[in-house]
Amino acid sequence: MRILVYGAGAVGSFNAARLAEGGHEVTLLARGRRLLELREHGIVLENARSGERTTTQVSLTEALGPEDAYDLVLVALRRHQVRDILPALAANRRTPAVLFLGNNAAGGDEYVAALGAERVLLGQGNLGGVRVGHVVRYLWARILPLEFGELDGRRTPRSDAIAAAYRQAGLAARQVRNIDASLKTHAASLLPVVGALYWAKGDVRRVAHSRAALRLWVRATREAQRALRRGGVPIVPAANRALYEWVPELLIAFVMGRFLDTEFAVAGLADAAADGAPGEMKELVEEFRAILRQAGEPAPACERLYAFIDARWEETRREAATGAGPVRPRGAP
C-alpha cells in the first residue's frame, strides 16, 4: 500500500516507521526543524519500557501536491492543527481515503464538508508517546490497537485493506462500527484526567496520589457520559458505561490511582503534558462543552477540571506573546 503519513509527531512517526518496516511504501510529511531532524537521523524510536532504539528511513516530503497519488493519507496531527491542512487535502483528488487519526469530540462534519463523505474515515491513536529532541519515546502494546471506521459504520474493501496493511506491519487494528461514539466516549474521560494533570503541573504521580483529584475525575467522566447518552450517543465500548454507572466511585478512584502510579501511565500521558498539547485540549474542551450544552446536563465536576485546561491554554498564549510566567487556578481540584 502507498501511504502518506501527514504529521511527524509521536503517532505519525511511529506508524510511518512500523508501516514501512512492514513492507509498505511510506512517505512522511514534516516541516521545519522536524524535517531537518528526519533527514539527518531518520525516524528514531525508543521503547519507553525497554529503552531499545530503532532507526527507520522513509521517504520525506514537506507538502502534499494536487497530483500526488496515494492509496491512503493517514493524518496524525493534533485536533486544532487539522483545519489548516484541509485545503491541501481537498485539492488532492488522487487519494481515495483519508484517515483522520486523533482526538475528536465534534465528529466528521468539517472533514466531510471539505473532502466529501466518500473519502473520510475516523480513528484514534494506537500508542502513547512524546518527542524528545529527534527521538520519539513511545509506549505501545498489542492491547493498544488502531481503532478506526467508516463514518456510516460499514466494513468496506478499503477499510479491510487498511486493517490488513496494519496486520502486515505487525500492528493490531480494529474496525469500530460507531467510531464517532468511540471518539466521544474517549474524550469524556480524557479531558477530566488532562484537567487534573494540568492542575498537577504535568506530574502524573501527583494526580495518582490525590484522592480529591481522582474522585473528581470519576464524577466528571460520569457527567460527560450522561450528556452523551442524553444526546443519543452510545457509550463505546459499552463496558465504559457499566464501569462508571455501577462501580462505586471510591473503588474506581482507587484503581485509577494505582494505574496512574506506574511508568506505563506516566509514559502514556507524556504527550498530554507536552508543550503542544494545550491547544488541542482547549479545542476538545470547547467541543465537549457544546455536547454538554445541547444535553442540558449540569456538569460542575467537568467545569472544575476544564478550568485548568482553560488556564493552561491561556498560559501558552501569554507565554508565546510576552514570555510571562504561568498563572493557574488556585487550590486543588
Protein backbone atom coordinates (compact mmCIF):
# COMPACT_ATOMS: atom_id res chain seq x y z
CA MET A 1 0.00 0.00 0.00
CA ARG A 2 1.23 3.52 -0.83
CA ILE A 3 0.74 5.65 2.29
CA LEU A 4 1.35 9.29 3.16
CA VAL A 5 1.61 9.97 6.89
CA TYR A 6 0.72 13.63 7.40
CA GLY A 7 2.42 14.71 10.63
CA ALA A 8 5.71 13.61 12.21
CA GLY A 9 4.96 13.72 15.92
CA ALA A 10 4.93 10.62 18.10
CA VAL A 11 1.90 8.95 16.49
CA GLY A 12 2.83 9.82 12.93
CA SER A 13 6.49 8.84 13.30
CA PHE A 14 5.70 5.51 14.98
CA ASN A 15 3.10 4.49 12.41
CA ALA A 16 5.25 5.61 9.48
CA ALA A 17 8.22 3.58 10.72
CA ARG A 18 6.26 0.42 11.50
CA LEU A 19 4.25 0.50 8.27
CA ALA A 20 7.46 0.99 6.27
CA GLU A 21 9.12 -1.91 8.09
CA GLY A 22 6.03 -3.96 7.22
CA GLY A 23 6.72 -3.56 3.52
CA HIS A 24 4.55 -0.59 2.63
CA GLU A 25 5.66 2.38 0.53
CA VAL A 26 5.52 5.14 3.16
CA THR A 27 6.14 8.87 2.82
CA LEU A 28 6.24 11.04 5.93
CA LEU A 29 5.25 14.71 5.68
CA ALA A 30 7.15 17.02 8.01
CA ARG A 31 8.29 20.63 8.03
CA GLY A 32 10.83 22.94 9.64
CA ARG A 33 13.17 21.57 12.27
CA ARG A 34 11.43 18.20 12.35
CA LEU A 35 12.09 17.71 8.63
CA LEU A 36 15.78 18.52 9.14
CA GLU A 37 15.97 16.04 12.05
CA LEU A 38 14.42 13.29 9.95
CA ARG A 39 16.80 13.94 7.07
CA GLU A 40 19.78 13.71 9.43
CA HIS A 41 18.71 10.90 11.76
CA GLY A 42 15.77 9.07 10.19
CA ILE A 43 12.85 8.06 12.40
CA VAL A 44 14.38 7.19 15.77
CA LEU A 45 12.02 5.32 18.10
CA GLU A 46 12.77 4.49 21.74
CA ASN A 47 10.68 1.97 23.63
CA ALA A 48 9.73 3.69 26.90
CA ARG A 49 9.80 0.38 28.81
CA SER A 50 12.88 -1.34 27.45
CA GLY A 51 14.93 1.63 26.25
CA GLU A 52 15.54 -0.15 22.94
CA ARG A 53 16.08 2.21 20.00
CA THR A 54 15.41 1.62 16.32
CA THR A 55 16.08 3.78 13.29
CA THR A 56 13.96 3.64 10.14
CA GLN A 57 14.45 5.52 6.91
CA VAL A 58 11.37 6.56 4.93
CA SER A 59 10.70 8.93 2.06
CA LEU A 60 10.14 12.51 3.21
CA THR A 61 8.15 15.41 1.83
CA GLU A 62 7.11 18.82 3.08
CA ALA A 63 3.90 19.19 1.07
CA LEU A 64 1.00 17.29 -0.45
CA GLY A 65 0.54 18.33 -4.06
CA PRO A 66 -2.72 18.14 -6.02
CA GLU A 67 -1.35 15.41 -8.31
CA ASP A 68 0.32 13.25 -5.63
CA ALA A 69 -1.26 9.81 -5.62
CA TYR A 70 -1.51 7.60 -2.52
CA ASP A 71 -3.77 4.75 -1.52
CA LEU A 72 -4.17 6.29 1.93
CA VAL A 73 -3.38 9.54 3.70
CA LEU A 74 -3.02 8.98 7.44
CA VAL A 75 -3.47 12.33 9.24
CA ALA A 76 -1.65 12.27 12.58
CA LEU A 77 -1.90 15.86 13.77
CA ARG A 78 -3.33 17.45 16.89
CA ARG A 79 -7.00 18.28 16.66
CA HIS A 80 -6.52 22.06 16.42
CA GLN A 81 -3.95 21.68 13.62
CA VAL A 82 -6.09 19.66 11.23
CA ARG A 83 -8.22 22.56 10.00
CA ASP A 84 -5.16 24.21 8.44
CA ILE A 85 -4.42 21.26 6.15
CA LEU A 86 -7.95 20.63 4.87
CA PRO A 87 -7.46 22.85 1.77
CA ALA A 88 -4.41 20.81 0.71
CA LEU A 89 -6.27 17.55 1.27
CA ALA A 90 -9.29 18.85 -0.64
CA ALA A 91 -7.12 19.96 -3.57
CA ASN A 92 -5.68 16.47 -3.89
CA ARG A 93 -8.25 14.25 -5.60
CA ARG A 94 -5.96 11.32 -6.37
CA THR A 95 -6.14 9.75 -2.92
CA PRO A 96 -9.41 7.89 -2.24
CA ALA A 97 -9.07 7.51 1.54
CA VAL A 98 -8.06 9.96 4.27
CA LEU A 99 -7.97 8.55 7.81
CA PHE A 100 -8.02 11.29 10.46
CA LEU A 101 -6.30 9.69 13.41
CA GLY A 102 -6.64 11.54 16.70
CA ASN A 103 -8.82 13.11 19.38
CA ASN A 104 -12.18 14.39 18.16
CA ALA A 105 -15.35 15.23 20.08
CA ALA A 106 -17.14 17.03 17.23
CA GLY A 107 -17.46 14.29 14.62
CA GLY A 108 -16.51 14.31 10.97
CA ASP A 109 -18.78 17.03 9.54
CA GLU A 110 -15.96 19.53 8.98
CA TYR A 111 -13.86 16.92 7.19
CA VAL A 112 -16.82 15.78 5.08
CA ALA A 113 -17.58 19.37 4.06
CA ALA A 114 -14.02 19.78 2.81
CA LEU A 115 -13.33 16.38 1.26
CA GLY A 116 -16.65 14.63 0.72
CA ALA A 117 -18.01 11.75 2.78
CA GLU A 118 -16.64 9.16 0.36
CA ARG A 119 -13.02 9.98 1.30
CA VAL A 120 -13.21 10.32 5.10
CA LEU A 121 -12.51 7.78 7.84
CA LEU A 122 -12.00 8.49 11.54
CA GLY A 123 -9.80 6.77 14.09
CA GLN A 124 -7.86 7.23 17.29
CA GLY A 125 -4.20 6.83 18.12
CA ASN A 126 -2.64 3.47 18.88
CA LEU A 127 0.12 4.48 21.30
CA GLY A 128 1.29 6.87 23.94
CA GLY A 129 4.43 8.82 23.37
CA VAL A 130 6.26 12.11 23.08
CA ARG A 131 9.11 13.51 21.02
CA VAL A 132 12.29 14.36 22.94
CA GLY A 133 14.57 16.12 20.51
CA HIS A 134 14.79 13.92 17.41
CA VAL A 135 13.82 10.77 19.37
CA VAL A 136 10.24 9.53 19.73
CA ARG A 137 9.84 7.90 23.13
CA TYR A 138 6.81 5.65 22.78
CA LEU A 139 4.62 3.21 24.65
CA TRP A 140 2.87 0.59 22.56
CA ALA A 141 1.43 -2.87 23.11
CA ARG A 142 -0.90 -5.17 21.20
CA ILE A 143 -3.65 -4.19 23.62
CA LEU A 144 -3.47 -0.71 22.02
CA PRO A 145 -4.82 -1.34 18.51
CA LEU A 146 -5.51 1.21 15.84
CA GLU A 147 -9.26 1.79 16.19
CA PHE A 148 -10.91 3.25 13.12
CA GLY A 149 -14.00 3.08 10.99
CA GLU A 150 -16.09 4.37 8.14
CA LEU A 151 -18.47 7.18 9.05
CA ASP A 152 -21.51 5.01 8.30
CA GLY A 153 -20.16 2.04 10.27
CA ARG A 154 -19.86 -0.32 7.29
CA ARG A 155 -16.94 -2.58 6.58
CA THR A 156 -15.70 -1.77 3.11
CA PRO A 157 -12.92 -3.07 0.84
CA ARG A 158 -10.79 -0.03 1.72
CA SER A 159 -11.29 -0.37 5.48
CA ASP A 160 -10.42 -4.07 5.21
CA ALA A 161 -7.32 -3.10 3.21
CA ILE A 162 -6.22 -0.63 5.91
CA ALA A 163 -6.67 -3.25 8.63
CA ALA A 164 -4.72 -5.76 6.53
CA ALA A 165 -1.91 -3.24 6.00
CA TYR A 166 -1.58 -2.82 9.75
CA ARG A 167 -1.61 -6.56 10.37
CA GLN A 168 1.08 -7.00 7.72
CA ALA A 169 3.19 -4.49 9.71
CA GLY A 170 2.64 -6.43 12.96
CA LEU A 171 0.29 -3.78 14.35
CA ALA A 172 -3.14 -4.53 15.78
CA ALA A 173 -6.11 -2.84 14.09
CA ARG A 174 -9.79 -2.97 14.93
CA GLN A 175 -12.66 -1.63 12.85
CA VAL A 176 -15.23 0.10 15.05
CA ARG A 177 -18.85 0.20 13.95
CA ASN A 178 -19.56 3.58 15.58
CA ILE A 179 -16.20 5.35 15.54
CA ASP A 180 -17.80 8.75 16.27
CA ALA A 181 -19.28 7.43 19.52
CA SER A 182 -15.99 5.78 20.40
CA LEU A 183 -14.09 9.06 19.97
CA LYS A 184 -16.64 10.98 22.05
CA THR A 185 -16.52 8.34 24.80
CA HIS A 186 -12.74 8.62 24.84
CA ALA A 187 -12.91 12.42 25.14
CA ALA A 188 -15.39 12.10 28.03
CA SER A 189 -12.72 10.50 30.24
CA LEU A 190 -9.60 12.03 28.65
CA LEU A 191 -10.46 15.67 29.30
CA PRO A 192 -11.02 15.27 33.06
CA VAL A 193 -7.71 13.47 33.52
CA VAL A 194 -5.89 16.11 31.47
CA GLY A 195 -7.51 18.81 33.62
CA ALA A 196 -6.20 17.04 36.70
CA LEU A 197 -2.81 16.66 35.04
CA TYR A 198 -2.62 20.40 34.36
CA TRP A 199 -3.60 21.09 37.96
CA ALA A 200 -0.63 18.91 38.95
CA LYS A 201 1.66 20.83 36.54
CA GLY A 202 2.18 17.71 34.43
CA ASP A 203 3.01 15.39 37.35
CA VAL A 204 1.06 12.18 36.70
CA ARG A 205 2.06 10.66 40.02
CA ARG A 206 0.77 13.71 41.90
CA VAL A 207 -2.64 13.03 40.38
CA ALA A 208 -2.27 9.35 41.29
CA HIS A 209 -1.83 10.27 44.97
CA SER A 210 -4.59 12.89 45.14
CA ARG A 211 -7.84 11.29 46.27
CA ALA A 212 -9.71 14.53 45.59
CA ALA A 213 -8.44 14.75 42.02
CA LEU A 214 -9.21 11.11 41.30
CA ARG A 215 -12.75 11.28 42.66
CA LEU A 216 -13.42 14.49 40.74
CA TRP A 217 -12.18 12.76 37.58
CA VAL A 218 -14.67 9.94 38.15
CA ARG A 219 -17.54 12.39 38.72
CA ALA A 220 -16.61 14.43 35.65
CA THR A 221 -16.47 11.32 33.47
CA ARG A 222 -19.90 10.26 34.72
CA GLU A 223 -21.31 13.72 33.93
CA ALA A 224 -19.80 13.62 30.44
CA GLN A 225 -21.13 10.13 29.71
CA ARG A 226 -24.63 11.11 30.89
CA ALA A 227 -24.52 14.04 28.48
CA LEU A 228 -23.54 11.76 25.62
CA ARG A 229 -26.37 9.33 26.35
CA ARG A 230 -28.89 12.14 26.64
CA GLY A 231 -27.74 13.35 23.23
CA GLY A 232 -28.28 9.90 21.73
CA VAL A 233 -24.60 8.94 21.59
CA PRO A 234 -23.96 5.40 22.85
CA ILE A 235 -21.03 4.72 25.15
CA VAL A 236 -18.44 2.73 23.17
CA PRO A 237 -17.25 0.31 24.37
CA ALA A 238 -20.32 -0.48 26.47
CA ALA A 239 -18.08 -1.63 29.33
CA ASN A 240 -17.21 2.03 29.95
CA ARG A 241 -20.84 2.75 30.75
CA ALA A 242 -21.05 -0.17 33.15
CA LEU A 243 -17.81 0.88 34.83
CA TYR A 244 -18.86 4.44 35.53
CA GLU A 245 -22.52 3.69 36.27
CA TRP A 246 -22.27 0.66 38.54
CA VAL A 247 -18.84 0.58 40.16
CA PRO A 248 -18.54 2.71 43.34
CA GLU A 249 -16.68 5.98 42.95
CA LEU A 250 -14.12 5.18 45.63
CA LEU A 251 -13.23 1.87 44.00
CA ILE A 252 -12.76 3.40 40.55
CA ALA A 253 -10.65 6.19 42.05
CA PHE A 254 -8.50 3.67 43.90
CA VAL A 255 -7.89 1.53 40.80
CA MET A 256 -7.19 4.56 38.61
CA GLY A 257 -4.79 5.89 41.21
CA ARG A 258 -2.87 2.62 41.21
CA PHE A 259 -2.74 2.67 37.43
CA LEU A 260 -1.52 6.28 37.22
CA ASP A 261 1.24 5.45 39.68
CA THR A 262 3.06 3.36 37.03
CA GLU A 263 5.69 4.03 34.40
CA PHE A 264 3.18 2.81 31.81
CA ALA A 265 0.76 5.63 32.70
CA VAL A 266 3.49 8.27 33.00
CA ALA A 267 4.77 7.44 29.52
CA GLY A 268 1.24 7.13 28.13
CA LEU A 269 0.23 10.60 29.32
CA ALA A 270 3.50 12.30 28.39
CA ASP A 271 2.03 13.70 25.18
CA ALA A 272 -0.88 15.30 27.07
CA ALA A 273 1.66 17.22 29.19
CA ALA A 274 3.80 18.25 26.21
CA ASP A 275 4.09 21.87 25.10
CA GLY A 276 1.88 21.41 22.04
CA ALA A 277 -0.99 19.74 23.89
CA PRO A 278 -2.89 22.69 25.48
CA GLY A 279 -4.14 23.96 22.11
CA GLU A 280 -5.59 20.57 21.25
CA MET A 281 -7.11 20.09 24.69
CA LYS A 282 -8.70 23.55 24.59
CA GLU A 283 -10.28 22.68 21.24
CA LEU A 284 -11.62 19.41 22.67
CA VAL A 285 -12.96 21.17 25.77
CA GLU A 286 -14.98 23.56 23.63
CA GLU A 287 -16.29 20.66 21.55
CA PHE A 288 -17.38 18.82 24.66
CA ARG A 289 -18.90 21.93 26.21
CA ALA A 290 -21.13 22.08 23.13
CA ILE A 291 -22.23 18.49 23.87
CA LEU A 292 -22.97 19.40 27.50
CA ARG A 293 -24.98 22.48 26.49
CA GLN A 294 -27.01 20.54 23.96
CA ALA A 295 -27.76 17.83 26.52
CA GLY A 296 -28.72 20.36 29.18
CA GLU A 297 -26.75 18.34 31.72
CA PRO A 298 -25.28 20.10 34.76
CA ALA A 299 -21.57 19.35 34.82
CA PRO A 300 -19.89 21.04 37.79
CA ALA A 301 -17.12 18.43 38.08
CA CYS A 302 -16.32 18.76 34.37
CA GLU A 303 -16.11 22.53 34.63
CA ARG A 304 -13.83 22.42 37.66
CA LEU A 305 -11.35 20.31 35.72
CA TYR A 306 -11.88 22.04 32.37
CA ALA A 307 -10.89 25.28 34.11
CA PHE A 308 -7.32 24.01 34.40
CA ILE A 309 -7.25 23.32 30.66
CA ASP A 310 -8.58 26.84 30.00
CA ALA A 311 -5.89 28.29 32.25
CA ARG A 312 -3.09 26.25 30.70
CA TRP A 313 -4.18 27.33 27.24
CA GLU A 314 -4.17 30.98 28.30
CA GLU A 315 -0.69 30.49 29.76
CA THR A 316 0.66 29.18 26.48
CA ARG A 317 -0.83 32.11 24.60
CA ARG A 318 0.57 34.61 27.08
CA GLU A 319 3.96 32.95 27.17
CA ALA A 320 4.15 32.90 23.38
CA ALA A 321 3.23 36.58 23.17
CA THR A 322 5.10 38.05 26.12
CA GLY A 323 7.21 35.41 27.82
CA ALA A 324 5.14 35.85 31.00
CA GLY A 325 5.11 33.11 33.62
CA PRO A 326 2.24 30.75 34.42
CA VAL A 327 -0.87 31.68 36.40
CA ARG A 328 -3.08 28.73 37.30
CA PRO A 329 -6.40 28.44 39.14
CA ARG A 330 -5.76 28.21 42.83
CA GLY A 331 -6.39 25.22 45.02
CA ALA A 332 -6.80 21.52 44.45
CA PRO A 333 -9.41 20.25 42.03
